[in-house]
Amino acid sequence: MFKLIIAIFLSTLSISVMAEGNPEHGKSISQACAACHGADGNSPAGSFPSIAGQQPKYLLKQLKDIKSGERSAPLMTGQLDAFTDEDLSDLAAYFAGQMRKGGAAKPELVALGETIYRAGIKRKKIAACSACHLPQGEGNNPAGFPALAGQWPEYTEAQLKAFRVGDRHNDGDGRMIQSTAMDLSDAEITAVASYLYGLH
């Protein structure tokens, strides 16, 4: 438990960006985002993340990381090049203010997914996801932890697997998601991703 608290503290220190942008301006420049993420940030397909209702601090960090190349996102190559830091902050503020839609978990995966999310996996020393992402998956803006509730399961699975193999590594100095994902099996990832999709 002490290691988890230290990791959370270090991650909080390492994520220093805040989104205090202008949502009206963000909406006016969001047209390029709509094709993949939906006009209101609710993606029409699981290959693209829904960003409606996402925590603004987290969303701004991802936008900056993608623009700088810190986070690999091939489908977004060049999409953010013309945006200033202020524009990115405004986009984050706009999408953060939209309502997440989400869906329903597969009934046969709820028990395992909920156990992992709310209690972790003791034998693997994996902490509960809810410790950082909060009970309803709403995320923690001051700490920079993303909202997970209602996210497409395909996207969540892809990201956890990317963290697991090291293809994605922009989770702060504490590397909490990488260290957690590396011990999750495919079945466990599928179950928790499904559970999160149905969490509201």
N, C-alpha and C. Protein backbone atom coordinates (compact mmCIF):
# COMPACT_ATOMS: atom_id res chain seq x y z
N MET A 1 0.83 -1.20 0.00
CA MET A 1 0.00 0.00 0.00
C MET A 1 0.87 1.26 0.00
N PHE A 2 1.97 1.21 0.78
CA PHE A 2 2.87 2.35 0.85
C PHE A 2 3.46 2.67 -0.52
N LYS A 3 3.83 1.60 -1.28
CA LYS A 3 4.38 1.79 -2.62
C LYS A 3 3.36 2.45 -3.54
N LEU A 4 2.09 2.06 -3.39
CA LEU A 4 1.04 2.65 -4.22
C LEU A 4 0.90 4.14 -3.93
N ILE A 5 0.92 4.51 -2.66
CA ILE A 5 0.80 5.93 -2.27
C ILE A 5 1.97 6.73 -2.83
N ILE A 6 3.17 6.19 -2.71
CA ILE A 6 4.36 6.88 -3.25
C ILE A 6 4.25 7.03 -4.76
N ALA A 7 3.80 5.97 -5.45
CA ALA A 7 3.67 6.02 -6.90
C ALA A 7 2.65 7.06 -7.33
N ILE A 8 1.54 7.13 -6.61
CA ILE A 8 0.52 8.14 -6.92
C ILE A 8 1.09 9.54 -6.73
N PHE A 9 1.82 9.73 -5.64
CA PHE A 9 2.42 11.04 -5.37
C PHE A 9 3.41 11.43 -6.46
N LEU A 10 4.26 10.50 -6.87
CA LEU A 10 5.24 10.79 -7.92
C LEU A 10 4.57 11.08 -9.25
N SER A 11 3.53 10.33 -9.57
CA SER A 11 2.82 10.57 -10.82
C SER A 11 2.14 11.93 -10.81
N THR A 12 1.62 12.31 -9.66
CA THR A 12 0.97 13.61 -9.55
C THR A 12 1.99 14.72 -9.80
N LEU A 13 3.19 14.56 -9.27
CA LEU A 13 4.23 15.56 -9.48
C LEU A 13 4.68 15.62 -10.93
N SER A 14 4.67 14.48 -11.60
CA SER A 14 5.22 14.42 -12.96
C SER A 14 4.26 14.94 -14.02
N ILE A 15 2.99 15.09 -13.66
CA ILE A 15 2.00 15.58 -14.62
C ILE A 15 1.62 16.98 -14.22
N SER A 16 2.27 17.96 -14.81
CA SER A 16 2.11 19.33 -14.32
C SER A 16 1.19 20.18 -15.17
N VAL A 17 0.66 19.62 -16.26
CA VAL A 17 -0.20 20.43 -17.11
C VAL A 17 -1.61 20.49 -16.57
N MET A 18 -2.25 21.61 -16.74
CA MET A 18 -3.64 21.79 -16.33
C MET A 18 -4.42 22.33 -17.52
N ALA A 19 -5.66 21.90 -17.64
CA ALA A 19 -6.51 22.41 -18.71
C ALA A 19 -7.49 23.41 -18.13
N GLU A 20 -7.24 24.66 -18.37
CA GLU A 20 -8.14 25.71 -17.92
C GLU A 20 -8.50 26.55 -19.13
N GLY A 21 -8.82 25.86 -20.20
CA GLY A 21 -9.04 26.53 -21.48
C GLY A 21 -10.43 27.09 -21.66
N ASN A 22 -10.64 27.60 -22.85
CA ASN A 22 -11.90 28.21 -23.25
C ASN A 22 -12.70 27.18 -24.06
N PRO A 23 -13.75 26.59 -23.46
CA PRO A 23 -14.49 25.55 -24.16
C PRO A 23 -15.20 26.03 -25.42
N GLU A 24 -15.61 27.31 -25.44
CA GLU A 24 -16.28 27.84 -26.64
C GLU A 24 -15.31 27.85 -27.81
N HIS A 25 -14.10 28.31 -27.56
CA HIS A 25 -13.09 28.29 -28.62
C HIS A 25 -12.73 26.86 -28.99
N GLY A 26 -12.67 25.99 -27.98
CA GLY A 26 -12.37 24.58 -28.25
C GLY A 26 -13.39 23.97 -29.18
N LYS A 27 -14.66 24.27 -28.96
CA LYS A 27 -15.71 23.75 -29.84
C LYS A 27 -15.52 24.26 -31.26
N SER A 28 -15.15 25.52 -31.40
CA SER A 28 -15.03 26.13 -32.73
C SER A 28 -13.89 25.55 -33.55
N ILE A 29 -12.92 24.93 -32.88
CA ILE A 29 -11.77 24.35 -33.61
C ILE A 29 -11.78 22.82 -33.56
N SER A 30 -12.89 22.24 -33.14
CA SER A 30 -12.94 20.79 -32.93
C SER A 30 -13.42 20.00 -34.14
N GLN A 31 -13.70 20.67 -35.26
CA GLN A 31 -14.26 19.96 -36.42
C GLN A 31 -13.36 18.82 -36.88
N ALA A 32 -12.06 19.03 -36.84
CA ALA A 32 -11.13 18.00 -37.31
C ALA A 32 -11.17 16.75 -36.42
N CYS A 33 -11.64 16.91 -35.20
CA CYS A 33 -11.70 15.79 -34.25
C CYS A 33 -12.93 14.92 -34.47
N ALA A 34 -13.98 15.52 -35.06
CA ALA A 34 -15.30 14.90 -35.11
C ALA A 34 -15.33 13.59 -35.90
N ALA A 35 -14.57 13.48 -36.97
CA ALA A 35 -14.64 12.29 -37.82
C ALA A 35 -14.32 11.02 -37.04
N CYS A 36 -13.36 11.10 -36.13
CA CYS A 36 -12.95 9.92 -35.36
C CYS A 36 -13.56 9.88 -33.96
N HIS A 37 -13.65 11.04 -33.33
CA HIS A 37 -14.07 11.08 -31.93
C HIS A 37 -15.51 11.51 -31.74
N GLY A 38 -16.21 11.86 -32.82
CA GLY A 38 -17.58 12.33 -32.71
C GLY A 38 -17.62 13.81 -32.40
N ALA A 39 -18.65 14.49 -32.85
CA ALA A 39 -18.76 15.95 -32.65
C ALA A 39 -18.75 16.33 -31.18
N ASP A 40 -19.32 15.46 -30.35
CA ASP A 40 -19.37 15.75 -28.91
C ASP A 40 -18.35 14.93 -28.13
N GLY A 41 -17.44 14.26 -28.83
CA GLY A 41 -16.42 13.47 -28.15
C GLY A 41 -16.79 12.04 -27.90
N ASN A 42 -18.01 11.63 -28.29
CA ASN A 42 -18.41 10.23 -28.16
C ASN A 42 -18.11 9.53 -29.48
N SER A 43 -17.05 8.77 -29.50
CA SER A 43 -16.57 8.13 -30.71
C SER A 43 -17.61 7.16 -31.29
N PRO A 44 -17.73 7.12 -32.63
CA PRO A 44 -18.69 6.20 -33.24
C PRO A 44 -18.17 4.76 -33.34
N ALA A 45 -16.90 4.53 -33.04
CA ALA A 45 -16.33 3.19 -33.19
C ALA A 45 -15.28 2.93 -32.13
N GLY A 46 -15.16 1.67 -31.74
CA GLY A 46 -14.25 1.30 -30.66
C GLY A 46 -12.77 1.42 -30.98
N SER A 47 -12.43 1.63 -32.23
CA SER A 47 -11.02 1.82 -32.57
C SER A 47 -10.54 3.23 -32.20
N PHE A 48 -11.49 4.13 -31.92
CA PHE A 48 -11.14 5.49 -31.53
C PHE A 48 -11.69 5.76 -30.13
N PRO A 49 -10.92 6.41 -29.27
CA PRO A 49 -11.42 6.65 -27.91
C PRO A 49 -12.52 7.69 -27.87
N SER A 50 -13.47 7.45 -26.99
CA SER A 50 -14.43 8.51 -26.66
C SER A 50 -13.72 9.45 -25.69
N ILE A 51 -13.78 10.74 -25.97
CA ILE A 51 -13.10 11.71 -25.13
C ILE A 51 -14.08 12.66 -24.45
N ALA A 52 -15.37 12.44 -24.65
CA ALA A 52 -16.39 13.25 -23.96
C ALA A 52 -16.31 12.97 -22.46
N GLY A 53 -16.31 14.02 -21.68
CA GLY A 53 -16.27 13.87 -20.23
C GLY A 53 -14.93 13.43 -19.68
N GLN A 54 -13.91 13.42 -20.53
CA GLN A 54 -12.58 13.04 -20.06
C GLN A 54 -12.03 14.13 -19.13
N GLN A 55 -11.23 13.74 -18.16
CA GLN A 55 -10.62 14.72 -17.27
C GLN A 55 -9.73 15.66 -18.09
N PRO A 56 -9.90 16.98 -17.93
CA PRO A 56 -9.17 17.91 -18.80
C PRO A 56 -7.66 17.87 -18.66
N LYS A 57 -7.17 17.66 -17.45
CA LYS A 57 -5.71 17.62 -17.26
C LYS A 57 -5.11 16.43 -18.01
N TYR A 58 -5.76 15.29 -17.90
CA TYR A 58 -5.29 14.10 -18.61
C TYR A 58 -5.38 14.30 -20.11
N LEU A 59 -6.51 14.81 -20.59
CA LEU A 59 -6.71 14.98 -22.02
C LEU A 59 -5.68 15.94 -22.60
N LEU A 60 -5.41 17.03 -21.90
CA LEU A 60 -4.41 17.98 -22.37
C LEU A 60 -3.03 17.33 -22.45
N LYS A 61 -2.69 16.54 -21.45
CA LYS A 61 -1.39 15.84 -21.48
C LYS A 61 -1.30 14.93 -22.69
N GLN A 62 -2.38 14.18 -22.98
CA GLN A 62 -2.34 13.27 -24.14
C GLN A 62 -2.19 14.04 -25.44
N LEU A 63 -2.91 15.15 -25.58
CA LEU A 63 -2.79 15.96 -26.79
C LEU A 63 -1.36 16.47 -26.96
N LYS A 64 -0.77 16.94 -25.88
CA LYS A 64 0.61 17.44 -25.96
C LYS A 64 1.59 16.30 -26.25
N ASP A 65 1.36 15.15 -25.61
CA ASP A 65 2.26 14.00 -25.84
C ASP A 65 2.18 13.50 -27.28
N ILE A 66 0.96 13.49 -27.83
CA ILE A 66 0.79 13.05 -29.22
C ILE A 66 1.45 14.05 -30.17
N LYS A 67 1.24 15.33 -29.92
CA LYS A 67 1.84 16.35 -30.78
C LYS A 67 3.36 16.28 -30.75
N SER A 68 3.93 16.06 -29.56
CA SER A 68 5.40 16.04 -29.42
C SER A 68 6.02 14.72 -29.87
N GLY A 69 5.20 13.69 -30.00
CA GLY A 69 5.72 12.37 -30.34
C GLY A 69 6.01 11.50 -29.14
N GLU A 70 5.80 12.03 -27.93
CA GLU A 70 6.01 11.25 -26.71
C GLU A 70 5.06 10.04 -26.69
N ARG A 71 3.85 10.24 -27.20
CA ARG A 71 2.89 9.13 -27.33
C ARG A 71 2.67 8.86 -28.81
N SER A 72 2.88 7.62 -29.20
CA SER A 72 2.68 7.24 -30.60
C SER A 72 1.19 7.08 -30.88
N ALA A 73 0.70 7.79 -31.87
CA ALA A 73 -0.69 7.67 -32.31
C ALA A 73 -0.70 7.89 -33.82
N PRO A 74 -0.35 6.87 -34.59
CA PRO A 74 -0.17 7.03 -36.04
C PRO A 74 -1.35 7.67 -36.76
N LEU A 75 -2.58 7.38 -36.33
CA LEU A 75 -3.75 7.94 -37.00
C LEU A 75 -3.90 9.44 -36.74
N MET A 76 -3.16 9.96 -35.76
CA MET A 76 -3.22 11.39 -35.48
C MET A 76 -1.99 12.14 -35.98
N THR A 77 -1.16 11.47 -36.73
CA THR A 77 0.06 12.10 -37.25
C THR A 77 -0.30 13.36 -38.03
N GLY A 78 0.24 14.47 -37.61
CA GLY A 78 0.02 15.75 -38.28
C GLY A 78 -1.27 16.45 -37.91
N GLN A 79 -2.18 15.76 -37.25
CA GLN A 79 -3.49 16.35 -36.94
C GLN A 79 -3.39 17.54 -35.98
N LEU A 80 -2.39 17.54 -35.12
CA LEU A 80 -2.28 18.58 -34.10
C LEU A 80 -1.20 19.62 -34.40
N ASP A 81 -0.53 19.46 -35.53
CA ASP A 81 0.62 20.32 -35.82
C ASP A 81 0.29 21.81 -35.82
N ALA A 82 -0.89 22.17 -36.29
CA ALA A 82 -1.24 23.59 -36.40
C ALA A 82 -1.82 24.17 -35.12
N PHE A 83 -2.02 23.33 -34.12
CA PHE A 83 -2.63 23.80 -32.88
C PHE A 83 -1.57 24.30 -31.90
N THR A 84 -1.85 25.44 -31.28
CA THR A 84 -0.99 25.97 -30.23
C THR A 84 -1.31 25.27 -28.91
N ASP A 85 -0.48 25.48 -27.89
CA ASP A 85 -0.78 24.94 -26.57
C ASP A 85 -2.11 25.47 -26.05
N GLU A 86 -2.39 26.73 -26.35
CA GLU A 86 -3.67 27.31 -25.93
C GLU A 86 -4.83 26.62 -26.64
N ASP A 87 -4.67 26.34 -27.93
CA ASP A 87 -5.71 25.61 -28.67
C ASP A 87 -5.96 24.24 -28.04
N LEU A 88 -4.88 23.54 -27.70
CA LEU A 88 -5.02 22.22 -27.10
C LEU A 88 -5.74 22.29 -25.76
N SER A 89 -5.41 23.30 -24.98
CA SER A 89 -6.09 23.51 -23.71
C SER A 89 -7.57 23.78 -23.92
N ASP A 90 -7.89 24.55 -24.95
CA ASP A 90 -9.30 24.85 -25.26
C ASP A 90 -10.04 23.60 -25.72
N LEU A 91 -9.39 22.77 -26.53
CA LEU A 91 -10.00 21.51 -26.96
C LEU A 91 -10.27 20.60 -25.75
N ALA A 92 -9.29 20.51 -24.86
CA ALA A 92 -9.45 19.68 -23.66
C ALA A 92 -10.61 20.17 -22.82
N ALA A 93 -10.73 21.47 -22.68
CA ALA A 93 -11.82 22.04 -21.89
C ALA A 93 -13.17 21.76 -22.54
N TYR A 94 -13.23 21.85 -23.86
CA TYR A 94 -14.49 21.59 -24.56
C TYR A 94 -14.94 20.14 -24.38
N PHE A 95 -14.06 19.21 -24.71
CA PHE A 95 -14.45 17.80 -24.63
C PHE A 95 -14.70 17.35 -23.20
N ALA A 96 -13.97 17.92 -22.25
CA ALA A 96 -14.19 17.57 -20.84
C ALA A 96 -15.60 17.93 -20.39
N GLY A 97 -16.17 18.94 -21.00
CA GLY A 97 -17.50 19.39 -20.61
C GLY A 97 -18.65 18.65 -21.28
N GLN A 98 -18.34 17.69 -22.15
CA GLN A 98 -19.38 16.94 -22.85
C GLN A 98 -19.79 15.71 -22.04
N MET A 99 -20.97 15.19 -22.29
CA MET A 99 -21.50 14.04 -21.56
C MET A 99 -21.06 12.73 -22.18
N ARG A 100 -20.47 11.86 -21.36
CA ARG A 100 -20.09 10.52 -21.82
C ARG A 100 -21.34 9.67 -22.01
N LYS A 101 -21.32 8.81 -23.04
CA LYS A 101 -22.46 7.94 -23.27
C LYS A 101 -22.23 6.53 -22.74
N GLY A 102 -21.17 5.88 -23.16
CA GLY A 102 -20.89 4.53 -22.67
C GLY A 102 -21.84 3.50 -23.23
N GLY A 103 -21.80 2.31 -22.64
CA GLY A 103 -22.61 1.21 -23.12
C GLY A 103 -22.89 0.22 -22.01
N ALA A 104 -22.91 -1.06 -22.34
CA ALA A 104 -23.21 -2.10 -21.37
C ALA A 104 -22.11 -3.16 -21.38
N ALA A 105 -21.75 -3.62 -20.20
CA ALA A 105 -20.76 -4.69 -20.08
C ALA A 105 -21.38 -6.03 -20.49
N LYS A 106 -20.55 -6.94 -20.96
CA LYS A 106 -21.02 -8.29 -21.24
C LYS A 106 -21.30 -8.97 -19.90
N PRO A 107 -22.52 -9.48 -19.72
CA PRO A 107 -22.90 -10.06 -18.42
C PRO A 107 -21.92 -11.09 -17.89
N GLU A 108 -21.38 -11.92 -18.78
CA GLU A 108 -20.49 -13.00 -18.33
C GLU A 108 -19.12 -12.49 -17.88
N LEU A 109 -18.83 -11.21 -18.14
CA LEU A 109 -17.54 -10.65 -17.75
C LEU A 109 -17.62 -9.70 -16.56
N VAL A 110 -18.84 -9.42 -16.11
CA VAL A 110 -19.02 -8.42 -15.05
C VAL A 110 -18.33 -8.82 -13.75
N ALA A 111 -18.50 -10.05 -13.30
CA ALA A 111 -17.95 -10.47 -12.00
C ALA A 111 -16.43 -10.30 -11.96
N LEU A 112 -15.74 -10.82 -12.96
CA LEU A 112 -14.28 -10.71 -12.98
C LEU A 112 -13.85 -9.26 -13.17
N GLY A 113 -14.49 -8.55 -14.11
CA GLY A 113 -14.12 -7.16 -14.36
C GLY A 113 -14.31 -6.30 -13.13
N GLU A 114 -15.41 -6.48 -12.44
CA GLU A 114 -15.68 -5.68 -11.24
C GLU A 114 -14.70 -5.99 -10.13
N THR A 115 -14.37 -7.27 -9.97
CA THR A 115 -13.40 -7.65 -8.94
C THR A 115 -12.05 -6.99 -9.19
N ILE A 116 -11.59 -7.04 -10.42
CA ILE A 116 -10.30 -6.42 -10.75
C ILE A 116 -10.37 -4.91 -10.51
N TYR A 117 -11.45 -4.28 -11.00
CA TYR A 117 -11.55 -2.83 -10.88
C TYR A 117 -11.64 -2.38 -9.43
N ARG A 118 -12.42 -3.08 -8.62
CA ARG A 118 -12.69 -2.62 -7.26
C ARG A 118 -11.76 -3.20 -6.19
N ALA A 119 -11.17 -4.36 -6.47
CA ALA A 119 -10.33 -4.99 -5.45
C ALA A 119 -8.93 -5.33 -5.93
N GLY A 120 -8.67 -5.23 -7.22
CA GLY A 120 -7.37 -5.61 -7.74
C GLY A 120 -7.22 -7.12 -7.79
N ILE A 121 -5.99 -7.58 -7.90
CA ILE A 121 -5.70 -9.02 -7.90
C ILE A 121 -4.59 -9.24 -6.87
N LYS A 122 -5.00 -9.66 -5.69
CA LYS A 122 -4.08 -9.75 -4.56
C LYS A 122 -2.88 -10.65 -4.84
N ARG A 123 -3.14 -11.82 -5.44
CA ARG A 123 -2.05 -12.77 -5.66
C ARG A 123 -1.00 -12.22 -6.62
N LYS A 124 -1.38 -11.26 -7.46
CA LYS A 124 -0.43 -10.64 -8.39
C LYS A 124 0.05 -9.28 -7.89
N LYS A 125 -0.42 -8.90 -6.71
CA LYS A 125 -0.09 -7.60 -6.11
C LYS A 125 -0.50 -6.44 -7.02
N ILE A 126 -1.66 -6.61 -7.67
CA ILE A 126 -2.22 -5.55 -8.51
C ILE A 126 -3.27 -4.80 -7.71
N ALA A 127 -3.07 -3.49 -7.58
CA ALA A 127 -3.98 -2.67 -6.80
C ALA A 127 -5.30 -2.47 -7.55
N ALA A 128 -6.33 -2.13 -6.82
CA ALA A 128 -7.63 -1.84 -7.41
C ALA A 128 -7.53 -0.64 -8.33
N CYS A 129 -8.09 -0.75 -9.52
CA CYS A 129 -8.11 0.37 -10.47
C CYS A 129 -8.84 1.57 -9.87
N SER A 130 -9.87 1.29 -9.07
CA SER A 130 -10.69 2.36 -8.49
C SER A 130 -9.91 3.24 -7.52
N ALA A 131 -8.75 2.75 -7.03
CA ALA A 131 -7.95 3.56 -6.12
C ALA A 131 -7.50 4.87 -6.77
N CYS A 132 -7.24 4.81 -8.06
CA CYS A 132 -6.80 6.01 -8.79
C CYS A 132 -7.91 6.61 -9.67
N HIS A 133 -8.73 5.73 -10.25
CA HIS A 133 -9.73 6.18 -11.21
C HIS A 133 -11.10 6.42 -10.58
N LEU A 134 -11.18 6.20 -9.26
CA LEU A 134 -12.36 6.46 -8.42
C LEU A 134 -13.48 5.45 -8.67
N PRO A 135 -14.40 5.32 -7.69
CA PRO A 135 -15.38 4.23 -7.72
C PRO A 135 -16.23 4.13 -8.98
N GLN A 136 -16.63 5.26 -9.53
CA GLN A 136 -17.46 5.23 -10.73
C GLN A 136 -16.67 5.44 -12.01
N GLY A 137 -15.35 5.37 -11.92
CA GLY A 137 -14.51 5.49 -13.11
C GLY A 137 -14.43 6.88 -13.67
N GLU A 138 -14.73 7.89 -12.82
CA GLU A 138 -14.75 9.28 -13.30
C GLU A 138 -13.38 9.92 -13.40
N GLY A 139 -12.35 9.26 -12.87
CA GLY A 139 -11.01 9.81 -12.94
C GLY A 139 -10.76 10.84 -11.86
N ASN A 140 -9.52 11.31 -11.81
CA ASN A 140 -9.11 12.27 -10.77
C ASN A 140 -8.32 13.37 -11.46
N ASN A 141 -8.95 14.51 -11.70
CA ASN A 141 -8.30 15.58 -12.46
C ASN A 141 -7.05 16.13 -11.78
N PRO A 142 -7.07 16.47 -10.47
CA PRO A 142 -5.85 17.02 -9.87
C PRO A 142 -4.64 16.09 -10.01
N ALA A 143 -4.88 14.78 -9.93
CA ALA A 143 -3.79 13.82 -10.05
C ALA A 143 -3.47 13.47 -11.50
N GLY A 144 -4.32 13.90 -12.43
CA GLY A 144 -4.09 13.59 -13.84
C GLY A 144 -4.50 12.19 -14.25
N PHE A 145 -5.35 11.54 -13.46
CA PHE A 145 -5.80 10.18 -13.78
C PHE A 145 -7.06 10.25 -14.63
N PRO A 146 -7.11 9.51 -15.73
CA PRO A 146 -8.23 9.64 -16.67
C PRO A 146 -9.53 9.00 -16.19
N ALA A 147 -10.62 9.52 -16.73
CA ALA A 147 -11.91 8.85 -16.60
C ALA A 147 -11.87 7.61 -17.48
N LEU A 148 -12.39 6.51 -16.98
CA LEU A 148 -12.43 5.25 -17.72
C LEU A 148 -13.84 4.79 -18.01
N ALA A 149 -14.80 5.28 -17.24
CA ALA A 149 -16.19 4.83 -17.38
C ALA A 149 -16.71 5.12 -18.78
N GLY A 150 -17.37 4.12 -19.36
CA GLY A 150 -18.00 4.30 -20.65
C GLY A 150 -17.08 4.23 -21.85
N GLN A 151 -15.78 3.99 -21.61
CA GLN A 151 -14.84 3.93 -22.74
C GLN A 151 -15.05 2.63 -23.52
N TRP A 152 -14.91 2.73 -24.84
CA TRP A 152 -15.02 1.55 -25.69
C TRP A 152 -14.10 0.44 -25.18
N PRO A 153 -14.60 -0.79 -25.02
CA PRO A 153 -13.74 -1.87 -24.54
C PRO A 153 -12.59 -2.18 -25.49
N GLU A 154 -12.84 -2.06 -26.79
CA GLU A 154 -11.76 -2.33 -27.76
C GLU A 154 -10.59 -1.37 -27.54
N TYR A 155 -10.92 -0.11 -27.29
CA TYR A 155 -9.87 0.88 -27.08
C TYR A 155 -9.13 0.61 -25.77
N THR A 156 -9.88 0.35 -24.69
CA THR A 156 -9.24 0.09 -23.40
C THR A 156 -8.33 -1.12 -23.49
N GLU A 157 -8.81 -2.19 -24.13
CA GLU A 157 -7.98 -3.38 -24.31
C GLU A 157 -6.69 -3.06 -25.05
N ALA A 158 -6.82 -2.32 -26.14
CA ALA A 158 -5.65 -1.99 -26.96
C ALA A 158 -4.63 -1.18 -26.16
N GLN A 159 -5.10 -0.25 -25.34
CA GLN A 159 -4.17 0.58 -24.58
C GLN A 159 -3.49 -0.21 -23.47
N LEU A 160 -4.24 -1.05 -22.76
CA LEU A 160 -3.63 -1.87 -21.71
C LEU A 160 -2.58 -2.81 -22.30
N LYS A 161 -2.88 -3.37 -23.46
CA LYS A 161 -1.91 -4.27 -24.10
C LYS A 161 -0.69 -3.50 -24.60
N ALA A 162 -0.91 -2.27 -25.06
CA ALA A 162 0.22 -1.43 -25.49
C ALA A 162 1.12 -1.08 -24.30
N PHE A 163 0.51 -0.77 -23.16
CA PHE A 163 1.30 -0.53 -21.95
C PHE A 163 2.03 -1.80 -21.53
N ARG A 164 1.36 -2.94 -21.66
CA ARG A 164 1.93 -4.21 -21.20
C ARG A 164 3.21 -4.55 -21.94
N VAL A 165 3.26 -4.27 -23.24
CA VAL A 165 4.46 -4.62 -24.02
C VAL A 165 5.42 -3.44 -24.18
N GLY A 166 5.06 -2.29 -23.61
CA GLY A 166 5.95 -1.14 -23.66
C GLY A 166 5.81 -0.26 -24.89
N ASP A 167 4.82 -0.56 -25.76
CA ASP A 167 4.59 0.31 -26.92
C ASP A 167 4.05 1.67 -26.49
N ARG A 168 3.34 1.69 -25.39
CA ARG A 168 2.88 2.96 -24.81
C ARG A 168 3.53 3.09 -23.44
N HIS A 169 4.04 4.27 -23.14
CA HIS A 169 4.80 4.44 -21.91
C HIS A 169 4.71 5.87 -21.35
N ASN A 170 3.62 6.57 -21.64
CA ASN A 170 3.52 7.96 -21.18
C ASN A 170 2.60 8.06 -19.95
N ASP A 171 2.81 7.15 -19.00
CA ASP A 171 1.99 7.13 -17.80
C ASP A 171 2.70 7.74 -16.60
N GLY A 172 3.64 8.64 -16.84
CA GLY A 172 4.31 9.33 -15.74
C GLY A 172 5.51 8.56 -15.22
N ASP A 173 6.25 9.22 -14.34
CA ASP A 173 7.48 8.63 -13.81
C ASP A 173 7.24 7.38 -12.97
N GLY A 174 6.06 7.29 -12.36
CA GLY A 174 5.75 6.12 -11.54
C GLY A 174 5.49 4.86 -12.34
N ARG A 175 5.18 5.02 -13.64
CA ARG A 175 4.93 3.88 -14.54
C ARG A 175 3.89 2.91 -13.95
N MET A 176 2.86 3.46 -13.33
CA MET A 176 1.87 2.62 -12.65
C MET A 176 1.10 1.72 -13.61
N ILE A 177 0.70 2.29 -14.76
CA ILE A 177 -0.10 1.48 -15.68
C ILE A 177 0.77 0.41 -16.33
N GLN A 178 1.99 0.74 -16.68
CA GLN A 178 2.87 -0.28 -17.25
C GLN A 178 3.09 -1.43 -16.29
N SER A 179 3.36 -1.10 -15.02
CA SER A 179 3.63 -2.15 -14.05
C SER A 179 2.39 -2.97 -13.74
N THR A 180 1.21 -2.34 -13.82
CA THR A 180 -0.04 -3.08 -13.60
C THR A 180 -0.36 -3.95 -14.80
N ALA A 181 -0.30 -3.37 -16.00
CA ALA A 181 -0.69 -4.10 -17.21
C ALA A 181 0.20 -5.29 -17.49
N MET A 182 1.46 -5.21 -17.13
CA MET A 182 2.38 -6.31 -17.46
C MET A 182 1.99 -7.61 -16.76
N ASP A 183 1.20 -7.51 -15.69
CA ASP A 183 0.80 -8.71 -14.97
C ASP A 183 -0.64 -9.12 -15.24
N LEU A 184 -1.31 -8.42 -16.16
CA LEU A 184 -2.68 -8.78 -16.50
C LEU A 184 -2.69 -9.73 -17.70
N SER A 185 -3.49 -10.78 -17.60
CA SER A 185 -3.65 -11.69 -18.73
C SER A 185 -4.61 -11.07 -19.74
N ASP A 186 -4.67 -11.63 -20.93
CA ASP A 186 -5.62 -11.16 -21.94
C ASP A 186 -7.05 -11.25 -21.42
N ALA A 187 -7.37 -12.34 -20.74
CA ALA A 187 -8.74 -12.53 -20.23
C ALA A 187 -9.07 -11.47 -19.17
N GLU A 188 -8.12 -11.14 -18.34
CA GLU A 188 -8.34 -10.12 -17.30
C GLU A 188 -8.51 -8.74 -17.92
N ILE A 189 -7.71 -8.44 -18.93
CA ILE A 189 -7.84 -7.17 -19.63
C ILE A 189 -9.21 -7.06 -20.30
N THR A 190 -9.63 -8.13 -20.96
CA THR A 190 -10.94 -8.13 -21.62
C THR A 190 -12.06 -7.91 -20.62
N ALA A 191 -11.97 -8.57 -19.47
CA ALA A 191 -13.03 -8.45 -18.47
C ALA A 191 -13.11 -7.05 -17.89
N VAL A 192 -11.98 -6.46 -17.53
CA VAL A 192 -12.03 -5.13 -16.92
C VAL A 192 -12.42 -4.08 -17.95
N ALA A 193 -12.01 -4.26 -19.20
CA ALA A 193 -12.39 -3.32 -20.26
C ALA A 193 -13.89 -3.37 -20.49
N SER A 194 -14.47 -4.55 -20.50
CA SER A 194 -15.91 -4.69 -20.66
C SER A 194 -16.65 -4.05 -19.49
N TYR A 195 -16.17 -4.30 -18.29
CA TYR A 195 -16.80 -3.74 -17.09
C TYR A 195 -16.79 -2.21 -17.15
N LEU A 196 -15.69 -1.63 -17.55
CA LEU A 196 -15.57 -0.17 -17.62
C LEU A 196 -16.54 0.42 -18.63
N TYR A 197 -16.77 -0.29 -19.73
CA TYR A 197 -17.70 0.19 -20.75
C TYR A 197 -19.10 0.36 -20.18
N GLY A 198 -19.47 -0.50 -19.26
CA GLY A 198 -20.80 -0.43 -18.66
C GLY A 198 -20.87 0.39 -17.40
N LEU A 199 -19.74 0.96 -16.97
CA LEU A 199 -19.72 1.74 -15.72
C LEU A 199 -20.20 3.15 -15.99
N HIS A 200 -21.16 3.60 -15.19
CA HIS A 200 -21.71 4.95 -15.39
C HIS A 200 -21.76 5.69 -14.06
